[in-house]
Amino acid sequence: MSNVEQPLAAEKTVVENGSKQTAHETVYKTLRAQILFGELAPGQAVTIQGLTGSLGAGMTPVREAIRRLISDGALIFQGNRRVSVPILSADDVRQLIYARKTIETELTRRATTRINAADIDTLERIDSALDHAIDTGDVTGYLHHNYQFHSTIYDHAQAPILADLADRLWLRFGPSLRVMCGRFGTQSFPDRHKDVIDALRKRDPELAALAMERDVTQGMDQVVTGLEEGN
């Protein structure tokens, strides 16, 4: 066994943000972020050996991370120790739209009665950073801030089961969103986050849920259009 693999296989722990986590958890989170933000493109095959090199990790934690991400629906096994991000069809995205609208509107509805004014201010700052990314064509910034906005709302919904489901859905469409942002530009993906923020400040759960539904539909419809035009 190599010197790299030995400490990882022994479940060496590392300190991140003041807390300990196992090496395979670190690898999982790193690879998950690469998928979520489109660093691995749909259909791009990578080898397990290649991932051990790019992630600076041993075979055991990489295999465990891949197993979890396959279970999440974020990767598919190609054989010959290769995995890839699934290629979505337009119908796949329509199913994701339905699932996102159902889950994220309920998360937003719940968050409306639980979030405080300071946290809404945080959402506003995130949205301002997102606007800047849209205006400047910063695809990476757009993807990160957009996800941060939604995940912050999940955090305040106090509904961990729904939040976990929503997060898994983001893993499925994130790579395709990155492709479409690169093809059409960030300005083709405006958001309705200000409507969500206004509704949160008014403490109106139904208005907030409606704004979130419109935000989800607007962005995902662009992905469907892009996939249909590409076929």
C-alpha atoms as a PDB file:
ATOM      1  CA  MET A   1       0.000   0.000   0.000  1.00  0.00           C
ATOM      2  CA  SER A   2       1.309   3.448  -0.883  1.00  0.00           C
ATOM      3  CA  ASN A   3       2.181   6.134   1.631  1.00  0.00           C
ATOM      4  CA  VAL A   4      -0.790   8.155   0.408  1.00  0.00           C
ATOM      5  CA  GLU A   5      -3.301   5.377   0.911  1.00  0.00           C
ATOM      6  CA  GLN A   6      -2.180   4.219   4.351  1.00  0.00           C
ATOM      7  CA  PRO A   7      -3.456   7.124   6.506  1.00  0.00           C
ATOM      8  CA  LEU A   8      -6.677   7.437   4.486  1.00  0.00           C
ATOM      9  CA  ALA A   9      -7.520   3.763   4.753  1.00  0.00           C
ATOM     10  CA  ALA A  10      -6.940   4.030   8.476  1.00  0.00           C
ATOM     11  CA  GLU A  11      -9.686   6.698   8.582  1.00  0.00           C
ATOM     12  CA  LYS A  12      -7.307   9.551   9.334  1.00  0.00           C
ATOM     13  CA  THR A  13      -9.278  12.569  10.467  1.00  0.00           C
ATOM     14  CA  VAL A  14      -8.719  16.123   9.313  1.00  0.00           C
ATOM     15  CA  VAL A  15      -9.841  19.395  10.807  1.00  0.00           C
ATOM     16  CA  GLU A  16     -12.227  21.468   8.706  1.00  0.00           C
ATOM     17  CA  ASN A  17     -14.024  24.555   9.991  1.00  0.00           C
ATOM     18  CA  GLY A  18     -13.036  23.591  13.505  1.00  0.00           C
ATOM     19  CA  SER A  19     -14.510  20.071  13.372  1.00  0.00           C
ATOM     20  CA  LYS A  20     -13.031  16.660  12.633  1.00  0.00           C
ATOM     21  CA  GLN A  21     -14.143  14.493   9.764  1.00  0.00           C
ATOM     22  CA  THR A  22     -12.846  11.299   8.215  1.00  0.00           C
ATOM     23  CA  ALA A  23     -10.769  11.328   5.066  1.00  0.00           C
ATOM     24  CA  HIS A  24     -13.493   9.602   3.057  1.00  0.00           C
ATOM     25  CA  GLU A  25     -15.991  12.271   4.155  1.00  0.00           C
ATOM     26  CA  THR A  26     -13.589  14.948   2.922  1.00  0.00           C
ATOM     27  CA  VAL A  27     -13.237  13.162  -0.423  1.00  0.00           C
ATOM     28  CA  TYR A  28     -17.015  12.772  -0.694  1.00  0.00           C
ATOM     29  CA  LYS A  29     -17.637  16.466  -0.070  1.00  0.00           C
ATOM     30  CA  THR A  30     -14.940  17.522  -2.529  1.00  0.00           C
ATOM     31  CA  LEU A  31     -16.176  15.255  -5.313  1.00  0.00           C
ATOM     32  CA  ARG A  32     -19.783  16.174  -4.536  1.00  0.00           C
ATOM     33  CA  ALA A  33     -18.970  19.883  -4.949  1.00  0.00           C
ATOM     34  CA  GLN A  34     -17.230  19.204  -8.262  1.00  0.00           C
ATOM     35  CA  ILE A  35     -20.412  17.531  -9.528  1.00  0.00           C
ATOM     36  CA  LEU A  36     -22.801  20.057  -7.996  1.00  0.00           C
ATOM     37  CA  PHE A  37     -21.076  23.024  -9.627  1.00  0.00           C
ATOM     38  CA  GLY A  38     -20.428  21.332 -12.956  1.00  0.00           C
ATOM     39  CA  GLU A  39     -16.684  20.801 -12.773  1.00  0.00           C
ATOM     40  CA  LEU A  40     -17.472  17.292 -14.010  1.00  0.00           C
ATOM     41  CA  ALA A  41     -19.587  17.637 -17.143  1.00  0.00           C
ATOM     42  CA  PRO A  42     -22.492  15.327 -18.044  1.00  0.00           C
ATOM     43  CA  GLY A  43     -21.155  12.267 -19.829  1.00  0.00           C
ATOM     44  CA  GLN A  44     -17.540  12.983 -18.858  1.00  0.00           C
ATOM     45  CA  ALA A  45     -16.061   9.656 -17.797  1.00  0.00           C
ATOM     46  CA  VAL A  46     -13.372   9.559 -15.138  1.00  0.00           C
ATOM     47  CA  THR A  47     -11.461   6.609 -13.752  1.00  0.00           C
ATOM     48  CA  ILE A  48     -11.247   5.741 -10.097  1.00  0.00           C
ATOM     49  CA  GLN A  49      -7.467   5.834 -10.424  1.00  0.00           C
ATOM     50  CA  GLY A  50      -7.665   9.274 -12.005  1.00  0.00           C
ATOM     51  CA  LEU A  51      -9.775  10.554  -9.126  1.00  0.00           C
ATOM     52  CA  THR A  52      -7.291   9.279  -6.570  1.00  0.00           C
ATOM     53  CA  GLY A  53      -4.664  11.400  -8.294  1.00  0.00           C
ATOM     54  CA  SER A  54      -6.729  14.566  -8.791  1.00  0.00           C
ATOM     55  CA  LEU A  55      -8.127  14.445  -5.252  1.00  0.00           C
ATOM     56  CA  GLY A  56      -4.851  13.418  -3.631  1.00  0.00           C
ATOM     57  CA  ALA A  57      -6.629  10.546  -1.901  1.00  0.00           C
ATOM     58  CA  GLY A  58      -6.344   6.800  -1.538  1.00  0.00           C
ATOM     59  CA  MET A  59      -8.416   4.197  -3.331  1.00  0.00           C
ATOM     60  CA  THR A  60     -10.578   3.313  -0.313  1.00  0.00           C
ATOM     61  CA  PRO A  61     -12.061   6.775   0.396  1.00  0.00           C
ATOM     62  CA  VAL A  62     -12.519   7.457  -3.331  1.00  0.00           C
ATOM     63  CA  ARG A  63     -14.443   4.203  -3.782  1.00  0.00           C
ATOM     64  CA  GLU A  64     -16.629   5.013  -0.774  1.00  0.00           C
ATOM     65  CA  ALA A  65     -17.338   8.516  -2.093  1.00  0.00           C
ATOM     66  CA  ILE A  66     -18.250   7.110  -5.513  1.00  0.00           C
ATOM     67  CA  ARG A  67     -20.560   4.538  -3.920  1.00  0.00           C
ATOM     68  CA  ARG A  68     -22.402   7.278  -2.034  1.00  0.00           C
ATOM     69  CA  LEU A  69     -22.652   9.527  -5.087  1.00  0.00           C
ATOM     70  CA  ILE A  70     -24.019   6.685  -7.217  1.00  0.00           C
ATOM     71  CA  SER A  71     -26.635   6.171  -4.500  1.00  0.00           C
ATOM     72  CA  ASP A  72     -27.386   9.918  -4.651  1.00  0.00           C
ATOM     73  CA  GLY A  73     -27.962   9.638  -8.407  1.00  0.00           C
ATOM     74  CA  ALA A  74     -25.048  11.995  -9.086  1.00  0.00           C
ATOM     75  CA  LEU A  75     -22.819   9.393 -10.785  1.00  0.00           C
ATOM     76  CA  ILE A  76     -23.339   6.246 -12.830  1.00  0.00           C
ATOM     77  CA  PHE A  77     -20.945   3.323 -13.128  1.00  0.00           C
ATOM     78  CA  GLN A  78     -19.571   2.784 -16.633  1.00  0.00           C
ATOM     79  CA  GLY A  79     -17.513  -0.369 -16.058  1.00  0.00           C
ATOM     80  CA  ASN A  80     -13.731  -0.738 -16.259  1.00  0.00           C
ATOM     81  CA  ARG A  81     -13.469   1.312 -13.053  1.00  0.00           C
ATOM     82  CA  ARG A  82     -14.972   4.347 -14.773  1.00  0.00           C
ATOM     83  CA  VAL A  83     -17.838   6.544 -13.632  1.00  0.00           C
ATOM     84  CA  SER A  84     -19.552   9.539 -15.180  1.00  0.00           C
ATOM     85  CA  VAL A  85     -22.142  12.212 -14.489  1.00  0.00           C
ATOM     86  CA  PRO A  86     -25.474  11.184 -16.066  1.00  0.00           C
ATOM     87  CA  ILE A  87     -26.628  12.953 -19.223  1.00  0.00           C
ATOM     88  CA  LEU A  88     -30.119  14.325 -18.648  1.00  0.00           C
ATOM     89  CA  SER A  89     -32.863  14.366 -21.239  1.00  0.00           C
ATOM     90  CA  ALA A  90     -35.473  17.129 -21.443  1.00  0.00           C
ATOM     91  CA  ASP A  91     -37.981  14.732 -19.854  1.00  0.00           C
ATOM     92  CA  ASP A  92     -35.563  14.053 -16.992  1.00  0.00           C
ATOM     93  CA  VAL A  93     -35.434  17.791 -16.303  1.00  0.00           C
ATOM     94  CA  ARG A  94     -39.238  18.065 -16.432  1.00  0.00           C
ATOM     95  CA  GLN A  95     -39.400  15.418 -13.701  1.00  0.00           C
ATOM     96  CA  LEU A  96     -36.827  17.382 -11.708  1.00  0.00           C
ATOM     97  CA  ILE A  97     -38.920  20.537 -12.123  1.00  0.00           C
ATOM     98  CA  TYR A  98     -41.946  18.764 -10.673  1.00  0.00           C
ATOM     99  CA  ALA A  99     -39.932  17.390  -7.762  1.00  0.00           C
ATOM    100  CA  ARG A 100     -38.201  20.701  -7.054  1.00  0.00           C
ATOM    101  CA  LYS A 101     -41.441  22.682  -7.139  1.00  0.00           C
ATOM    102  CA  THR A 102     -43.086  20.244  -4.757  1.00  0.00           C
ATOM    103  CA  ILE A 103     -40.240  20.069  -2.247  1.00  0.00           C
ATOM    104  CA  GLU A 104     -38.719  23.536  -2.401  1.00  0.00           C
ATOM    105  CA  THR A 105     -42.019  25.366  -2.141  1.00  0.00           C
ATOM    106  CA  GLU A 106     -42.766  23.476   1.078  1.00  0.00           C
ATOM    107  CA  LEU A 107     -39.283  24.201   2.421  1.00  0.00           C
ATOM    108  CA  THR A 108     -39.797  27.893   1.653  1.00  0.00           C
ATOM    109  CA  ARG A 109     -43.240  27.849   3.242  1.00  0.00           C
ATOM    110  CA  ARG A 110     -41.782  26.367   6.425  1.00  0.00           C
ATOM    111  CA  ALA A 111     -38.803  28.717   6.455  1.00  0.00           C
ATOM    112  CA  THR A 112     -41.084  31.764   6.283  1.00  0.00           C
ATOM    113  CA  THR A 113     -42.320  31.225   9.831  1.00  0.00           C
ATOM    114  CA  ARG A 114     -38.894  30.339  11.254  1.00  0.00           C
ATOM    115  CA  ILE A 115     -36.333  32.654   9.665  1.00  0.00           C
ATOM    116  CA  ASN A 116     -35.388  35.886  11.456  1.00  0.00           C
ATOM    117  CA  ALA A 117     -34.668  39.353  10.072  1.00  0.00           C
ATOM    118  CA  ALA A 118     -30.878  38.977  10.291  1.00  0.00           C
ATOM    119  CA  ASP A 119     -31.013  35.761   8.286  1.00  0.00           C
ATOM    120  CA  ILE A 120     -33.159  37.440   5.646  1.00  0.00           C
ATOM    121  CA  ASP A 121     -30.503  40.158   5.460  1.00  0.00           C
ATOM    122  CA  THR A 122     -27.976  37.387   4.798  1.00  0.00           C
ATOM    123  CA  LEU A 123     -30.137  36.104   1.942  1.00  0.00           C
ATOM    124  CA  GLU A 124     -30.232  39.615   0.513  1.00  0.00           C
ATOM    125  CA  ARG A 125     -26.416  39.811   0.556  1.00  0.00           C
ATOM    126  CA  ILE A 126     -26.172  36.440  -1.165  1.00  0.00           C
ATOM    127  CA  ASP A 127     -28.630  37.620  -3.810  1.00  0.00           C
ATOM    128  CA  SER A 128     -26.614  40.805  -4.371  1.00  0.00           C
ATOM    129  CA  ALA A 129     -23.509  38.684  -4.989  1.00  0.00           C
ATOM    130  CA  LEU A 130     -25.577  36.540  -7.358  1.00  0.00           C
ATOM    131  CA  ASP A 131     -26.724  39.632  -9.276  1.00  0.00           C
ATOM    132  CA  HIS A 132     -23.099  40.680  -9.682  1.00  0.00           C
ATOM    133  CA  ALA A 133     -22.210  37.237 -11.034  1.00  0.00           C
ATOM    134  CA  ILE A 134     -25.086  37.432 -13.529  1.00  0.00           C
ATOM    135  CA  ASP A 135     -24.083  40.927 -14.677  1.00  0.00           C
ATOM    136  CA  THR A 136     -20.427  39.988 -15.132  1.00  0.00           C
ATOM    137  CA  GLY A 137     -21.007  36.582 -16.702  1.00  0.00           C
ATOM    138  CA  ASP A 138     -19.328  34.791 -13.803  1.00  0.00           C
ATOM    139  CA  VAL A 139     -20.715  31.273 -14.269  1.00  0.00           C
ATOM    140  CA  THR A 140     -18.910  29.786 -11.266  1.00  0.00           C
ATOM    141  CA  GLY A 141     -20.039  32.622  -9.015  1.00  0.00           C
ATOM    142  CA  TYR A 142     -23.592  32.318 -10.320  1.00  0.00           C
ATOM    143  CA  LEU A 143     -23.763  28.601  -9.551  1.00  0.00           C
ATOM    144  CA  HIS A 144     -22.261  28.963  -6.077  1.00  0.00           C
ATOM    145  CA  HIS A 145     -24.399  31.922  -4.969  1.00  0.00           C
ATOM    146  CA  ASN A 146     -27.581  30.485  -6.448  1.00  0.00           C
ATOM    147  CA  TYR A 147     -27.077  27.231  -4.554  1.00  0.00           C
ATOM    148  CA  GLN A 148     -26.123  29.126  -1.387  1.00  0.00           C
ATOM    149  CA  PHE A 149     -29.352  31.135  -1.550  1.00  0.00           C
ATOM    150  CA  HIS A 150     -31.534  28.050  -1.814  1.00  0.00           C
ATOM    151  CA  SER A 151     -29.599  25.979   0.726  1.00  0.00           C
ATOM    152  CA  THR A 152     -29.814  28.826   3.256  1.00  0.00           C
ATOM    153  CA  ILE A 153     -33.590  28.677   2.999  1.00  0.00           C
ATOM    154  CA  TYR A 154     -33.455  24.886   3.460  1.00  0.00           C
ATOM    155  CA  ASP A 155     -31.439  25.374   6.631  1.00  0.00           C
ATOM    156  CA  HIS A 156     -34.155  27.545   8.167  1.00  0.00           C
ATOM    157  CA  ALA A 157     -37.046  25.277   7.201  1.00  0.00           C
ATOM    158  CA  GLN A 158     -36.173  22.833   9.982  1.00  0.00           C
ATOM    159  CA  ALA A 159     -37.240  19.958   7.737  1.00  0.00           C
ATOM    160  CA  PRO A 160     -34.144  17.756   7.335  1.00  0.00           C
ATOM    161  CA  ILE A 161     -35.844  15.028   5.297  1.00  0.00           C
ATOM    162  CA  LEU A 162     -37.143  17.483   2.702  1.00  0.00           C
ATOM    163  CA  ALA A 163     -33.863  19.411   2.718  1.00  0.00           C
ATOM    164  CA  ASP A 164     -31.907  16.225   2.006  1.00  0.00           C
ATOM    165  CA  LEU A 165     -34.219  15.376  -0.907  1.00  0.00           C
ATOM    166  CA  ALA A 166     -33.865  18.879  -2.343  1.00  0.00           C
ATOM    167  CA  ASP A 167     -30.095  18.726  -2.064  1.00  0.00           C
ATOM    168  CA  ARG A 168     -29.979  15.436  -3.956  1.00  0.00           C
ATOM    169  CA  LEU A 169     -32.019  16.995  -6.747  1.00  0.00           C
ATOM    170  CA  TRP A 170     -29.438  19.771  -7.081  1.00  0.00           C
ATOM    171  CA  LEU A 171     -26.755  17.132  -7.567  1.00  0.00           C
ATOM    172  CA  ARG A 172     -28.723  15.733 -10.495  1.00  0.00           C
ATOM    173  CA  PHE A 173     -29.248  18.963 -12.424  1.00  0.00           C
ATOM    174  CA  GLY A 174     -26.225  21.039 -11.353  1.00  0.00           C
ATOM    175  CA  PRO A 175     -23.897  19.783 -14.116  1.00  0.00           C
ATOM    176  CA  SER A 176     -26.509  20.420 -16.826  1.00  0.00           C
ATOM    177  CA  LEU A 177     -27.161  23.909 -15.437  1.00  0.00           C
ATOM    178  CA  ARG A 178     -23.430  24.628 -15.728  1.00  0.00           C
ATOM    179  CA  VAL A 179     -23.458  23.542 -19.373  1.00  0.00           C
ATOM    180  CA  MET A 180     -26.453  25.768 -20.183  1.00  0.00           C
ATOM    181  CA  CYS A 181     -24.957  28.763 -18.377  1.00  0.00           C
ATOM    182  CA  GLY A 182     -21.815  28.330 -20.430  1.00  0.00           C
ATOM    183  CA  ARG A 183     -23.815  28.027 -23.649  1.00  0.00           C
ATOM    184  CA  PHE A 184     -26.321  30.850 -23.178  1.00  0.00           C
ATOM    185  CA  GLY A 185     -24.676  33.066 -20.555  1.00  0.00           C
ATOM    186  CA  THR A 186     -25.697  33.868 -16.992  1.00  0.00           C
ATOM    187  CA  GLN A 187     -28.056  36.652 -18.085  1.00  0.00           C
ATOM    188  CA  SER A 188     -30.313  34.022 -19.623  1.00  0.00           C
ATOM    189  CA  PHE A 189     -30.932  32.719 -16.092  1.00  0.00           C
ATOM    190  CA  PRO A 190     -32.461  35.627 -14.128  1.00  0.00           C
ATOM    191  CA  ASP A 191     -33.894  34.747 -10.733  1.00  0.00           C
ATOM    192  CA  ARG A 192     -36.946  35.674  -8.683  1.00  0.00           C
ATOM    193  CA  HIS A 193     -35.065  35.743  -5.411  1.00  0.00           C
ATOM    194  CA  LYS A 194     -36.130  39.297  -4.620  1.00  0.00           C
ATOM    195  CA  ASP A 195     -39.763  38.169  -4.713  1.00  0.00           C
ATOM    196  CA  VAL A 196     -38.863  35.377  -2.284  1.00  0.00           C
ATOM    197  CA  ILE A 197     -37.081  37.827   0.026  1.00  0.00           C
ATOM    198  CA  ASP A 198     -39.998  40.279  -0.031  1.00  0.00           C
ATOM    199  CA  ALA A 199     -42.427  37.498   0.868  1.00  0.00           C
ATOM    200  CA  LEU A 200     -40.174  36.304   3.691  1.00  0.00           C
ATOM    201  CA  ARG A 201     -40.062  39.822   5.125  1.00  0.00           C
ATOM    202  CA  LYS A 202     -43.865  39.958   4.970  1.00  0.00           C
ATOM    203  CA  ARG A 203     -44.035  36.591   6.762  1.00  0.00           C
ATOM    204  CA  ASP A 204     -46.356  35.334   4.028  1.00  0.00           C
ATOM    205  CA  PRO A 205     -45.740  31.584   3.542  1.00  0.00           C
ATOM    206  CA  GLU A 206     -47.965  31.181   0.492  1.00  0.00           C
ATOM    207  CA  LEU A 207     -46.534  34.207  -1.286  1.00  0.00           C
ATOM    208  CA  ALA A 208     -42.997  32.972  -0.554  1.00  0.00           C
ATOM    209  CA  ALA A 209     -43.858  29.488  -1.820  1.00  0.00           C
ATOM    210  CA  LEU A 210     -45.305  30.941  -5.032  1.00  0.00           C
ATOM    211  CA  ALA A 211     -42.199  33.064  -5.603  1.00  0.00           C
ATOM    212  CA  MET A 212     -39.994  30.016  -5.120  1.00  0.00           C
ATOM    213  CA  GLU A 213     -42.110  27.962  -7.530  1.00  0.00           C
ATOM    214  CA  ARG A 214     -41.732  30.671 -10.174  1.00  0.00           C
ATOM    215  CA  ASP A 215     -37.989  30.877  -9.556  1.00  0.00           C
ATOM    216  CA  VAL A 216     -37.551  27.119  -9.954  1.00  0.00           C
ATOM    217  CA  THR A 217     -39.726  26.957 -13.064  1.00  0.00           C
ATOM    218  CA  GLN A 218     -38.072  29.928 -14.770  1.00  0.00           C
ATOM    219  CA  GLY A 219     -34.542  28.582 -14.401  1.00  0.00           C
ATOM    220  CA  MET A 220     -35.299  24.938 -15.124  1.00  0.00           C
ATOM    221  CA  ASP A 221     -37.405  25.757 -18.191  1.00  0.00           C
ATOM    222  CA  GLN A 222     -34.279  27.348 -19.654  1.00  0.00           C
ATOM    223  CA  VAL A 223     -32.429  24.069 -19.140  1.00  0.00           C
ATOM    224  CA  VAL A 224     -35.223  22.140 -20.900  1.00  0.00           C
ATOM    225  CA  THR A 225     -35.142  24.560 -23.828  1.00  0.00           C
ATOM    226  CA  GLY A 226     -31.400  24.240 -24.101  1.00  0.00           C
ATOM    227  CA  LEU A 227     -31.527  20.447 -24.090  1.00  0.00           C
ATOM    228  CA  GLU A 228     -34.268  20.384 -26.727  1.00  0.00           C
ATOM    229  CA  GLU A 229     -32.363  22.796 -28.965  1.00  0.00           C
ATOM    230  CA  GLY A 230     -29.248  20.676 -28.599  1.00  0.00           C
ATOM    231  CA  ASN A 231     -30.993  17.554 -29.898  1.00  0.00           C
END
